[in-house]
Amino acid sequence: MISALYSIRSVLPFEEVGLTLRQHQGSIVPSLVIIFLIALGSSAIGGLSPKGKFDSGLLLYLAILPGLNEELVYRGVLPACMDKLFPKNWIFVSAKVGWSAIIATVTFGLLHGLWLDDHYKLHVEIIWIRNAVLSGFIFAWLRERTGSLIVPILAHGAWDFFLFLPRMI
């Protein structure tokens, strides 16, 4: 994915995708507060969930890969492309957002709660969709507030890690 983005960087610059270390001024403290609240909330939800066995490899995977993969697509490339069609018109809690954040977030939610089984039967998990839309909007807000994918990636990793850690201990 990164090599594909590199080849089209004249059309879709890295900074528009969020591939930058630079953070918007004043965004670090609110972002850290949100990550802390995500860790607390997902720990509470995870603590109420069914228990399983401890798996350090799975925890490491959950803390790193879904956040990298999904944030690059749903808070990076997809919104950057859509921002060219639908400009950001609204300010939401000091972050400029637009239709791209909404469309990418709903897509993120639907892809987490809809699937076909081996017999091509459609399954719909409304709670999973709701949770993914909620977390996806938080991640989209963090992306817009900071101007970078670093914080949404960290927040996504914290969400997944702290959701599953209590289930394993």
N, C-alpha and C. Protein backbone atom coordinates (compact mmCIF):
# COMPACT_ATOMS: atom_id res chain seq x y z
N MET A 1 0.82 -1.19 0.00
CA MET A 1 0.00 0.00 0.00
C MET A 1 0.87 1.26 0.00
N ILE A 2 1.91 1.27 0.82
CA ILE A 2 2.79 2.44 0.89
C ILE A 2 3.49 2.67 -0.45
N SER A 3 3.92 1.59 -1.10
CA SER A 3 4.58 1.76 -2.40
C SER A 3 3.60 2.29 -3.44
N ALA A 4 2.34 1.86 -3.39
CA ALA A 4 1.33 2.40 -4.31
C ALA A 4 1.10 3.88 -4.04
N LEU A 5 1.04 4.25 -2.77
CA LEU A 5 0.88 5.67 -2.42
C LEU A 5 2.08 6.49 -2.87
N TYR A 6 3.26 5.90 -2.76
CA TYR A 6 4.47 6.61 -3.19
C TYR A 6 4.39 6.91 -4.68
N SER A 7 3.89 5.97 -5.46
CA SER A 7 3.84 6.16 -6.91
C SER A 7 2.81 7.21 -7.32
N ILE A 8 1.81 7.49 -6.49
CA ILE A 8 0.81 8.50 -6.84
C ILE A 8 0.89 9.73 -5.93
N ARG A 9 2.02 9.94 -5.29
CA ARG A 9 2.16 11.03 -4.33
C ARG A 9 1.96 12.42 -4.93
N SER A 10 2.11 12.57 -6.26
CA SER A 10 1.86 13.88 -6.87
C SER A 10 0.36 14.18 -6.90
N VAL A 11 -0.47 13.17 -6.95
CA VAL A 11 -1.92 13.33 -6.96
C VAL A 11 -2.47 13.30 -5.54
N LEU A 12 -1.91 12.44 -4.72
CA LEU A 12 -2.36 12.25 -3.34
C LEU A 12 -1.14 12.32 -2.41
N PRO A 13 -0.74 13.54 -2.05
CA PRO A 13 0.46 13.70 -1.21
C PRO A 13 0.33 12.99 0.14
N PHE A 14 1.47 12.54 0.65
CA PHE A 14 1.49 11.82 1.93
C PHE A 14 0.79 12.60 3.04
N GLU A 15 0.99 13.92 3.11
CA GLU A 15 0.37 14.70 4.18
C GLU A 15 -1.15 14.69 4.09
N GLU A 16 -1.72 14.64 2.89
CA GLU A 16 -3.18 14.57 2.74
C GLU A 16 -3.71 13.23 3.24
N VAL A 17 -2.90 12.20 3.12
CA VAL A 17 -3.29 10.87 3.60
C VAL A 17 -3.09 10.76 5.11
N GLY A 18 -2.27 11.63 5.67
CA GLY A 18 -1.97 11.59 7.09
C GLY A 18 -0.66 10.92 7.41
N LEU A 19 0.14 10.64 6.39
CA LEU A 19 1.44 10.00 6.60
C LEU A 19 2.48 11.07 6.89
N THR A 20 2.40 11.60 8.10
CA THR A 20 3.32 12.63 8.56
C THR A 20 3.49 12.50 10.06
N LEU A 21 4.65 12.89 10.54
CA LEU A 21 4.88 12.90 11.98
C LEU A 21 4.38 14.20 12.60
N ARG A 22 4.20 15.22 11.78
CA ARG A 22 3.77 16.53 12.26
C ARG A 22 2.33 16.47 12.75
N GLN A 23 2.12 17.01 13.94
CA GLN A 23 0.79 17.06 14.55
C GLN A 23 0.32 18.52 14.58
N HIS A 24 -0.98 18.75 14.42
CA HIS A 24 -1.51 20.10 14.51
C HIS A 24 -1.24 20.65 15.91
N GLN A 25 -0.96 21.93 15.97
CA GLN A 25 -0.68 22.57 17.24
C GLN A 25 -1.85 22.41 18.20
N GLY A 26 -1.55 22.06 19.44
CA GLY A 26 -2.56 21.92 20.47
C GLY A 26 -3.36 20.63 20.43
N SER A 27 -2.93 19.68 19.64
CA SER A 27 -3.72 18.45 19.50
C SER A 27 -3.22 17.29 20.36
N ILE A 28 -2.03 17.38 20.88
CA ILE A 28 -1.44 16.25 21.60
C ILE A 28 -2.19 15.96 22.91
N VAL A 29 -2.43 16.96 23.73
CA VAL A 29 -3.08 16.73 25.03
C VAL A 29 -4.50 16.17 24.85
N PRO A 30 -5.35 16.80 24.00
CA PRO A 30 -6.68 16.20 23.82
C PRO A 30 -6.61 14.76 23.28
N SER A 31 -5.65 14.50 22.42
CA SER A 31 -5.51 13.16 21.85
C SER A 31 -5.13 12.14 22.92
N LEU A 32 -4.22 12.51 23.80
CA LEU A 32 -3.82 11.60 24.88
C LEU A 32 -4.99 11.34 25.84
N VAL A 33 -5.80 12.36 26.09
CA VAL A 33 -6.98 12.18 26.94
C VAL A 33 -7.94 11.19 26.29
N ILE A 34 -8.17 11.34 24.98
CA ILE A 34 -9.07 10.43 24.27
C ILE A 34 -8.52 9.00 24.30
N ILE A 35 -7.22 8.82 24.08
CA ILE A 35 -6.62 7.48 24.12
C ILE A 35 -6.79 6.87 25.51
N PHE A 36 -6.58 7.67 26.55
CA PHE A 36 -6.76 7.18 27.92
C PHE A 36 -8.22 6.75 28.16
N LEU A 37 -9.17 7.56 27.69
CA LEU A 37 -10.59 7.22 27.85
C LEU A 37 -10.95 5.97 27.05
N ILE A 38 -10.35 5.81 25.87
CA ILE A 38 -10.56 4.61 25.06
C ILE A 38 -10.06 3.38 25.82
N ALA A 39 -8.88 3.49 26.41
CA ALA A 39 -8.32 2.36 27.16
C ALA A 39 -9.22 2.00 28.34
N LEU A 40 -9.73 3.00 29.05
CA LEU A 40 -10.62 2.73 30.18
C LEU A 40 -11.93 2.10 29.72
N GLY A 41 -12.53 2.68 28.70
CA GLY A 41 -13.82 2.18 28.22
C GLY A 41 -13.74 0.79 27.64
N SER A 42 -12.73 0.55 26.82
CA SER A 42 -12.63 -0.78 26.22
C SER A 42 -12.23 -1.82 27.26
N SER A 43 -11.48 -1.43 28.28
CA SER A 43 -11.16 -2.36 29.38
C SER A 43 -12.43 -2.75 30.12
N ALA A 44 -13.30 -1.77 30.35
CA ALA A 44 -14.55 -2.06 31.05
C ALA A 44 -15.42 -3.01 30.22
N ILE A 45 -15.53 -2.74 28.93
CA ILE A 45 -16.33 -3.61 28.05
C ILE A 45 -15.70 -5.00 28.00
N GLY A 46 -14.39 -5.06 27.84
CA GLY A 46 -13.69 -6.34 27.80
C GLY A 46 -13.85 -7.13 29.07
N GLY A 47 -13.88 -6.43 30.20
CA GLY A 47 -14.05 -7.09 31.49
C GLY A 47 -15.41 -7.75 31.65
N LEU A 48 -16.39 -7.27 30.91
CA LEU A 48 -17.74 -7.84 30.98
C LEU A 48 -17.97 -8.94 29.94
N SER A 49 -16.96 -9.17 29.12
CA SER A 49 -17.08 -10.14 28.02
C SER A 49 -16.63 -11.52 28.47
N PRO A 50 -17.00 -12.55 27.71
CA PRO A 50 -16.58 -13.92 28.05
C PRO A 50 -15.05 -14.04 28.09
N LYS A 51 -14.59 -14.87 28.99
CA LYS A 51 -13.15 -15.06 29.18
C LYS A 51 -12.62 -16.14 28.24
N GLY A 52 -11.33 -15.98 27.89
CA GLY A 52 -10.63 -16.96 27.09
C GLY A 52 -9.24 -17.14 27.66
N LYS A 53 -8.39 -17.84 26.94
CA LYS A 53 -7.04 -18.05 27.45
C LYS A 53 -6.13 -16.90 27.00
N PHE A 54 -5.07 -16.70 27.78
CA PHE A 54 -4.12 -15.62 27.49
C PHE A 54 -3.32 -15.97 26.24
N ASP A 55 -3.18 -15.01 25.34
CA ASP A 55 -2.43 -15.20 24.10
C ASP A 55 -1.65 -13.92 23.79
N SER A 56 -0.38 -13.89 24.19
CA SER A 56 0.43 -12.69 24.01
C SER A 56 0.62 -12.33 22.54
N GLY A 57 0.71 -13.32 21.67
CA GLY A 57 0.84 -13.07 20.24
C GLY A 57 -0.38 -12.35 19.67
N LEU A 58 -1.55 -12.79 20.10
CA LEU A 58 -2.79 -12.14 19.65
C LEU A 58 -2.87 -10.71 20.17
N LEU A 59 -2.50 -10.50 21.43
CA LEU A 59 -2.52 -9.14 21.98
C LEU A 59 -1.56 -8.22 21.23
N LEU A 60 -0.38 -8.71 20.91
CA LEU A 60 0.59 -7.91 20.15
C LEU A 60 0.04 -7.59 18.77
N TYR A 61 -0.54 -8.59 18.12
CA TYR A 61 -1.15 -8.40 16.81
C TYR A 61 -2.24 -7.32 16.90
N LEU A 62 -3.15 -7.43 17.88
CA LEU A 62 -4.26 -6.50 18.02
C LEU A 62 -3.79 -5.08 18.32
N ALA A 63 -2.69 -4.96 19.03
CA ALA A 63 -2.17 -3.64 19.37
C ALA A 63 -1.51 -2.95 18.17
N ILE A 64 -1.12 -3.70 17.16
CA ILE A 64 -0.36 -3.10 16.05
C ILE A 64 -1.07 -3.18 14.71
N LEU A 65 -1.35 -4.35 14.22
CA LEU A 65 -1.73 -4.51 12.81
C LEU A 65 -3.11 -3.98 12.41
N PRO A 66 -4.19 -4.25 13.14
CA PRO A 66 -5.47 -3.69 12.69
C PRO A 66 -5.44 -2.16 12.62
N GLY A 67 -4.81 -1.54 13.60
CA GLY A 67 -4.72 -0.08 13.59
C GLY A 67 -3.94 0.44 12.40
N LEU A 68 -2.81 -0.17 12.11
CA LEU A 68 -2.03 0.26 10.94
C LEU A 68 -2.82 0.09 9.65
N ASN A 69 -3.34 -1.09 9.46
CA ASN A 69 -4.06 -1.44 8.24
C ASN A 69 -5.33 -0.60 8.07
N GLU A 70 -6.21 -0.65 9.04
CA GLU A 70 -7.51 -0.01 8.91
C GLU A 70 -7.43 1.51 8.94
N GLU A 71 -6.55 2.07 9.74
CA GLU A 71 -6.44 3.53 9.78
C GLU A 71 -5.86 4.08 8.49
N LEU A 72 -4.92 3.37 7.90
CA LEU A 72 -4.36 3.81 6.62
C LEU A 72 -5.46 3.87 5.55
N VAL A 73 -6.35 2.90 5.56
CA VAL A 73 -7.43 2.86 4.56
C VAL A 73 -8.57 3.81 4.94
N TYR A 74 -9.16 3.66 6.14
CA TYR A 74 -10.40 4.35 6.50
C TYR A 74 -10.21 5.77 7.04
N ARG A 75 -9.06 6.13 7.52
CA ARG A 75 -8.81 7.49 7.97
C ARG A 75 -7.72 8.17 7.16
N GLY A 76 -7.12 7.40 6.23
CA GLY A 76 -6.06 7.95 5.39
C GLY A 76 -6.46 8.06 3.94
N VAL A 77 -6.32 6.98 3.20
CA VAL A 77 -6.50 6.99 1.75
C VAL A 77 -7.94 7.31 1.34
N LEU A 78 -8.91 6.59 1.89
CA LEU A 78 -10.30 6.79 1.50
C LEU A 78 -10.77 8.23 1.74
N PRO A 79 -10.59 8.79 2.94
CA PRO A 79 -11.00 10.18 3.13
C PRO A 79 -10.21 11.18 2.29
N ALA A 80 -8.93 10.93 2.09
CA ALA A 80 -8.13 11.86 1.28
C ALA A 80 -8.66 11.91 -0.15
N CYS A 81 -9.05 10.78 -0.69
CA CYS A 81 -9.64 10.76 -2.04
C CYS A 81 -11.00 11.46 -2.04
N MET A 82 -11.82 11.17 -1.05
CA MET A 82 -13.16 11.77 -1.00
C MET A 82 -13.13 13.26 -0.71
N ASP A 83 -12.09 13.72 0.03
CA ASP A 83 -11.98 15.15 0.33
C ASP A 83 -11.82 15.97 -0.95
N LYS A 84 -11.33 15.36 -2.00
CA LYS A 84 -11.20 16.05 -3.28
C LYS A 84 -12.58 16.28 -3.91
N LEU A 85 -13.54 15.42 -3.59
CA LEU A 85 -14.90 15.55 -4.10
C LEU A 85 -15.82 16.32 -3.15
N PHE A 86 -15.66 16.04 -1.86
CA PHE A 86 -16.52 16.64 -0.84
C PHE A 86 -15.66 17.40 0.17
N PRO A 87 -15.54 18.71 0.03
CA PRO A 87 -14.70 19.47 0.97
C PRO A 87 -15.21 19.37 2.41
N LYS A 88 -14.32 19.56 3.34
CA LYS A 88 -14.68 19.54 4.76
C LYS A 88 -15.40 20.85 5.09
N ASN A 89 -16.65 20.75 5.47
CA ASN A 89 -17.48 21.95 5.68
C ASN A 89 -17.84 22.23 7.12
N TRP A 90 -17.58 21.30 8.04
CA TRP A 90 -18.05 21.47 9.40
C TRP A 90 -16.88 21.43 10.38
N ILE A 91 -17.07 22.12 11.48
CA ILE A 91 -16.13 22.05 12.61
C ILE A 91 -16.83 21.27 13.71
N PHE A 92 -16.20 20.19 14.14
CA PHE A 92 -16.74 19.37 15.22
C PHE A 92 -15.70 19.28 16.32
N VAL A 93 -15.95 19.92 17.44
CA VAL A 93 -15.04 19.95 18.58
C VAL A 93 -13.62 20.25 18.10
N SER A 94 -13.47 21.37 17.44
CA SER A 94 -12.19 21.93 16.94
C SER A 94 -11.48 21.08 15.89
N ALA A 95 -12.21 20.23 15.18
CA ALA A 95 -11.64 19.47 14.06
C ALA A 95 -12.53 19.69 12.84
N LYS A 96 -11.92 20.02 11.72
CA LYS A 96 -12.66 20.24 10.49
C LYS A 96 -12.99 18.89 9.85
N VAL A 97 -14.27 18.61 9.70
CA VAL A 97 -14.71 17.33 9.14
C VAL A 97 -15.69 17.57 8.00
N GLY A 98 -15.91 16.53 7.23
CA GLY A 98 -16.84 16.61 6.12
C GLY A 98 -17.45 15.24 5.82
N TRP A 99 -18.05 15.15 4.64
CA TRP A 99 -18.69 13.90 4.24
C TRP A 99 -17.71 12.74 4.19
N SER A 100 -16.46 13.00 3.90
CA SER A 100 -15.49 11.90 3.81
C SER A 100 -15.38 11.15 5.13
N ALA A 101 -15.39 11.87 6.24
CA ALA A 101 -15.30 11.22 7.56
C ALA A 101 -16.55 10.38 7.82
N ILE A 102 -17.70 10.89 7.43
CA ILE A 102 -18.95 10.17 7.66
C ILE A 102 -19.03 8.92 6.78
N ILE A 103 -18.73 9.07 5.50
CA ILE A 103 -18.80 7.94 4.57
C ILE A 103 -17.79 6.86 4.95
N ALA A 104 -16.56 7.26 5.25
CA ALA A 104 -15.52 6.29 5.63
C ALA A 104 -15.89 5.59 6.93
N THR A 105 -16.47 6.33 7.88
CA THR A 105 -16.83 5.76 9.17
C THR A 105 -17.99 4.77 9.03
N VAL A 106 -18.99 5.10 8.25
CA VAL A 106 -20.11 4.17 8.04
C VAL A 106 -19.62 2.93 7.30
N THR A 107 -18.76 3.11 6.32
CA THR A 107 -18.19 1.96 5.60
C THR A 107 -17.41 1.07 6.56
N PHE A 108 -16.59 1.68 7.40
CA PHE A 108 -15.83 0.96 8.42
C PHE A 108 -16.77 0.15 9.32
N GLY A 109 -17.86 0.77 9.75
CA GLY A 109 -18.82 0.08 10.61
C GLY A 109 -19.49 -1.09 9.92
N LEU A 110 -19.94 -0.87 8.69
CA LEU A 110 -20.62 -1.94 7.96
C LEU A 110 -19.69 -3.11 7.68
N LEU A 111 -18.45 -2.83 7.37
CA LEU A 111 -17.51 -3.93 7.09
C LEU A 111 -17.13 -4.70 8.34
N HIS A 112 -17.38 -4.14 9.51
CA HIS A 112 -17.13 -4.87 10.75
C HIS A 112 -18.34 -5.68 11.20
N GLY A 113 -19.52 -5.37 10.67
CA GLY A 113 -20.71 -6.05 11.17
C GLY A 113 -21.52 -6.80 10.14
N LEU A 114 -21.08 -6.83 8.90
CA LEU A 114 -21.76 -7.58 7.84
C LEU A 114 -20.78 -8.58 7.24
N TRP A 115 -21.23 -9.82 7.05
CA TRP A 115 -20.38 -10.79 6.36
C TRP A 115 -21.22 -11.94 5.84
N LEU A 116 -20.65 -12.65 4.89
CA LEU A 116 -21.28 -13.85 4.35
C LEU A 116 -20.58 -15.06 4.92
N ASP A 117 -21.36 -16.07 5.31
CA ASP A 117 -20.74 -17.30 5.79
C ASP A 117 -20.43 -18.22 4.61
N ASP A 118 -20.01 -19.45 4.90
CA ASP A 118 -19.64 -20.41 3.86
C ASP A 118 -20.79 -20.77 2.93
N HIS A 119 -22.02 -20.55 3.40
CA HIS A 119 -23.20 -20.88 2.61
C HIS A 119 -23.83 -19.62 1.98
N TYR A 120 -23.06 -18.53 1.97
CA TYR A 120 -23.47 -17.25 1.40
C TYR A 120 -24.70 -16.65 2.09
N LYS A 121 -24.83 -16.96 3.36
CA LYS A 121 -25.89 -16.36 4.15
C LYS A 121 -25.33 -15.07 4.77
N LEU A 122 -26.09 -13.98 4.61
CA LEU A 122 -25.67 -12.70 5.15
C LEU A 122 -25.91 -12.64 6.65
N HIS A 123 -24.90 -12.23 7.39
CA HIS A 123 -25.01 -12.03 8.83
C HIS A 123 -24.88 -10.54 9.12
N VAL A 124 -25.72 -10.06 10.02
CA VAL A 124 -25.71 -8.65 10.40
C VAL A 124 -25.61 -8.59 11.92
N GLU A 125 -24.56 -7.97 12.40
CA GLU A 125 -24.37 -7.79 13.84
C GLU A 125 -24.46 -6.30 14.14
N ILE A 126 -25.65 -5.85 14.52
CA ILE A 126 -25.91 -4.43 14.74
C ILE A 126 -24.99 -3.84 15.81
N ILE A 127 -24.76 -4.59 16.88
CA ILE A 127 -23.89 -4.08 17.96
C ILE A 127 -22.47 -3.87 17.44
N TRP A 128 -21.96 -4.79 16.63
CA TRP A 128 -20.62 -4.65 16.06
C TRP A 128 -20.56 -3.43 15.14
N ILE A 129 -21.62 -3.24 14.35
CA ILE A 129 -21.68 -2.08 13.46
C ILE A 129 -21.68 -0.80 14.30
N ARG A 130 -22.54 -0.76 15.32
CA ARG A 130 -22.61 0.42 16.19
C ARG A 130 -21.25 0.72 16.82
N ASN A 131 -20.60 -0.30 17.37
CA ASN A 131 -19.31 -0.10 18.02
C ASN A 131 -18.24 0.36 17.05
N ALA A 132 -18.24 -0.20 15.85
CA ALA A 132 -17.25 0.20 14.84
C ALA A 132 -17.51 1.61 14.32
N VAL A 133 -18.77 1.98 14.19
CA VAL A 133 -19.09 3.35 13.76
C VAL A 133 -18.66 4.33 14.86
N LEU A 134 -18.95 4.01 16.10
CA LEU A 134 -18.54 4.87 17.21
C LEU A 134 -17.02 5.02 17.26
N SER A 135 -16.31 3.91 17.28
CA SER A 135 -14.85 3.98 17.34
C SER A 135 -14.30 4.63 16.07
N GLY A 136 -14.88 4.31 14.93
CA GLY A 136 -14.42 4.89 13.67
C GLY A 136 -14.56 6.39 13.64
N PHE A 137 -15.66 6.90 14.21
CA PHE A 137 -15.81 8.36 14.25
C PHE A 137 -14.80 8.99 15.20
N ILE A 138 -14.51 8.34 16.31
CA ILE A 138 -13.48 8.85 17.23
C ILE A 138 -12.13 8.88 16.51
N PHE A 139 -11.80 7.80 15.79
CA PHE A 139 -10.53 7.75 15.06
C PHE A 139 -10.49 8.81 13.96
N ALA A 140 -11.62 9.03 13.28
CA ALA A 140 -11.68 10.06 12.23
C ALA A 140 -11.50 11.44 12.84
N TRP A 141 -12.11 11.68 13.99
CA TRP A 141 -11.94 12.97 14.65
C TRP A 141 -10.47 13.16 15.05
N LEU A 142 -9.86 12.12 15.60
CA LEU A 142 -8.44 12.22 15.97
C LEU A 142 -7.57 12.52 14.76
N ARG A 143 -7.88 11.89 13.63
CA ARG A 143 -7.11 12.14 12.40
C ARG A 143 -7.23 13.59 11.97
N GLU A 144 -8.44 14.11 12.00
CA GLU A 144 -8.65 15.49 11.58
C GLU A 144 -8.09 16.47 12.60
N ARG A 145 -8.19 16.16 13.86
CA ARG A 145 -7.70 17.06 14.92
C ARG A 145 -6.18 17.14 14.92
N THR A 146 -5.52 16.01 14.66
CA THR A 146 -4.06 15.99 14.71
C THR A 146 -3.41 16.24 13.35
N GLY A 147 -4.10 15.91 12.25
CA GLY A 147 -3.51 16.04 10.92
C GLY A 147 -2.63 14.87 10.54
N SER A 148 -2.63 13.84 11.35
CA SER A 148 -1.74 12.69 11.14
C SER A 148 -2.47 11.40 11.48
N LEU A 149 -1.96 10.30 10.97
CA LEU A 149 -2.52 8.98 11.30
C LEU A 149 -1.90 8.37 12.55
N ILE A 150 -0.87 8.99 13.09
CA ILE A 150 -0.17 8.41 14.25
C ILE A 150 -1.12 8.21 15.43
N VAL A 151 -1.84 9.24 15.82
CA VAL A 151 -2.72 9.14 16.99
C VAL A 151 -3.88 8.18 16.73
N PRO A 152 -4.56 8.24 15.56
CA PRO A 152 -5.62 7.25 15.34
C PRO A 152 -5.09 5.81 15.35
N ILE A 153 -3.91 5.58 14.85
CA ILE A 153 -3.32 4.23 14.89
C ILE A 153 -3.10 3.80 16.33
N LEU A 154 -2.56 4.70 17.15
CA LEU A 154 -2.35 4.39 18.57
C LEU A 154 -3.67 4.17 19.29
N ALA A 155 -4.67 4.99 18.98
CA ALA A 155 -5.98 4.85 19.61
C ALA A 155 -6.64 3.54 19.22
N HIS A 156 -6.53 3.18 17.95
CA HIS A 156 -7.11 1.92 17.47
C HIS A 156 -6.42 0.74 18.16
N GLY A 157 -5.10 0.81 18.27
CA GLY A 157 -4.36 -0.25 18.95
C GLY A 157 -4.76 -0.36 20.42
N ALA A 158 -4.95 0.80 21.07
CA ALA A 158 -5.38 0.80 22.47
C ALA A 158 -6.78 0.21 22.60
N TRP A 159 -7.67 0.57 21.68
CA TRP A 159 -9.05 0.05 21.70
C TRP A 159 -9.04 -1.48 21.65
N ASP A 160 -8.33 -2.02 20.66
CA ASP A 160 -8.31 -3.47 20.49
C ASP A 160 -7.57 -4.18 21.63
N PHE A 161 -6.42 -3.65 22.02
CA PHE A 161 -5.62 -4.27 23.06
C PHE A 161 -6.39 -4.33 24.38
N PHE A 162 -6.94 -3.18 24.79
CA PHE A 162 -7.60 -3.13 26.09
C PHE A 162 -9.00 -3.76 26.07
N LEU A 163 -9.54 -3.99 24.90
CA LEU A 163 -10.80 -4.73 24.81
C LEU A 163 -10.55 -6.22 25.05
N PHE A 164 -9.41 -6.73 24.57
CA PHE A 164 -9.14 -8.16 24.66
C PHE A 164 -8.30 -8.55 25.88
N LEU A 165 -7.50 -7.65 26.41
CA LEU A 165 -6.67 -7.98 27.58
C LEU A 165 -7.51 -8.49 28.75
N PRO A 166 -8.57 -7.80 29.16
CA PRO A 166 -9.36 -8.32 30.30
C PRO A 166 -10.02 -9.67 30.01
N ARG A 167 -10.24 -9.97 28.75
CA ARG A 167 -10.83 -11.25 28.40
C ARG A 167 -9.84 -12.40 28.60
N MET A 168 -8.55 -12.04 28.62
CA MET A 168 -7.50 -13.06 28.69
C MET A 168 -6.90 -13.21 30.07
N ILE A 169 -7.23 -12.33 30.99
CA ILE A 169 -6.62 -12.44 32.33
C ILE A 169 -7.68 -12.73 33.37
